[in-house]
Amino acid sequence: MKMPLIWLIGALVVFLVFLANVAVGAADGAGFVARTGELLLIIATSILFVVGTLLCEARAKSRHQSQKSREETL
């Protein structure tokens, strides 16, 4: 669970599916995902993005604290 890049890539993939559905719907008149499905795609994108972002921040904070503790020991 310490791999934030996986979560961010997942968010990108789900968002690209949403965009593809919107593009197909605009060109053809009917997308391959219904309105409820679009809502679920946007919610999934938001959740994946937030989890990935929080994991990135936690990793950066952890690195900063470990670097600070190393500097204090010197």
Protein backbone atom coordinates (compact mmCIF):
# COMPACT_ATOMS: atom_id res chain seq x y z
CA MET A 1 0.00 0.00 0.00
CA LYS A 2 3.04 2.24 -0.05
CA MET A 3 2.95 2.58 -3.84
CA PRO A 4 1.24 5.89 -4.60
CA LEU A 5 2.08 5.74 -8.30
CA ILE A 6 -0.19 2.71 -8.75
CA TRP A 7 -3.13 4.62 -7.26
CA LEU A 8 -2.46 7.66 -9.46
CA ILE A 9 -2.15 5.52 -12.60
CA GLY A 10 -5.43 3.84 -11.64
CA ALA A 11 -7.07 7.25 -11.33
CA LEU A 12 -5.73 8.22 -14.75
CA VAL A 13 -7.00 5.00 -16.35
CA VAL A 14 -10.49 5.38 -14.86
CA PHE A 15 -10.59 9.02 -15.91
CA LEU A 16 -9.53 8.10 -19.46
CA VAL A 17 -12.40 5.57 -19.59
CA PHE A 18 -14.74 8.37 -18.54
CA LEU A 19 -13.34 10.70 -21.22
CA ALA A 20 -13.64 7.98 -23.87
CA ASN A 21 -17.26 7.47 -22.89
CA VAL A 22 -17.94 11.20 -23.17
CA ALA A 23 -16.23 11.36 -26.56
CA VAL A 24 -18.16 8.36 -27.88
CA GLY A 25 -21.38 9.81 -26.50
CA ALA A 26 -20.72 13.16 -28.17
CA ALA A 27 -19.88 11.58 -31.52
CA ASP A 28 -22.42 8.75 -31.59
CA GLY A 29 -25.16 10.03 -29.33
CA ALA A 30 -24.94 7.12 -26.89
CA GLY A 31 -21.93 6.24 -24.76
CA PHE A 32 -21.08 2.75 -23.58
CA VAL A 33 -21.63 3.70 -19.91
CA ALA A 34 -24.92 5.07 -18.58
CA ARG A 35 -25.22 8.19 -16.43
CA THR A 36 -24.98 6.22 -13.20
CA GLY A 37 -21.85 4.53 -14.53
CA GLU A 38 -20.35 7.91 -15.36
CA LEU A 39 -21.02 9.05 -11.81
CA LEU A 40 -19.33 5.93 -10.45
CA LEU A 41 -16.34 6.49 -12.74
CA ILE A 42 -15.90 10.06 -11.49
CA ILE A 43 -16.26 8.95 -7.86
CA ALA A 44 -13.70 6.16 -8.40
CA THR A 45 -11.33 8.62 -10.08
CA SER A 46 -11.64 11.03 -7.16
CA ILE A 47 -11.07 8.33 -4.55
CA LEU A 48 -8.05 6.86 -6.36
CA PHE A 49 -6.54 10.31 -6.86
CA VAL A 50 -7.00 11.32 -3.22
CA VAL A 51 -5.51 8.06 -1.94
CA GLY A 52 -2.54 8.41 -4.30
CA THR A 53 -1.97 12.02 -3.32
CA LEU A 54 -2.16 11.28 0.40
CA LEU A 55 0.29 8.39 0.02
CA CYS A 56 2.69 10.67 -1.89
CA GLU A 57 2.49 13.26 0.88
CA ALA A 58 3.01 10.62 3.56
CA ARG A 59 6.06 9.28 1.73
CA ALA A 60 7.51 12.77 1.33
CA LYS A 61 6.92 13.54 5.01
CA SER A 62 8.54 10.26 6.03
CA ARG A 63 11.57 10.96 3.85
CA HIS A 64 11.85 14.47 5.25
CA GLN A 65 11.70 13.23 8.83
CA SER A 66 14.26 10.49 8.22
CA GLN A 67 16.59 12.99 6.54
CA LYS A 68 16.13 15.39 9.45
CA SER A 69 16.91 12.67 12.00
CA ARG A 70 20.06 11.71 10.06
CA GLU A 71 21.22 15.33 10.07
CA GLU A 72 20.66 15.58 13.82
CA THR A 73 22.83 12.53 14.48
CA LEU A 74 25.72 14.07 12.55
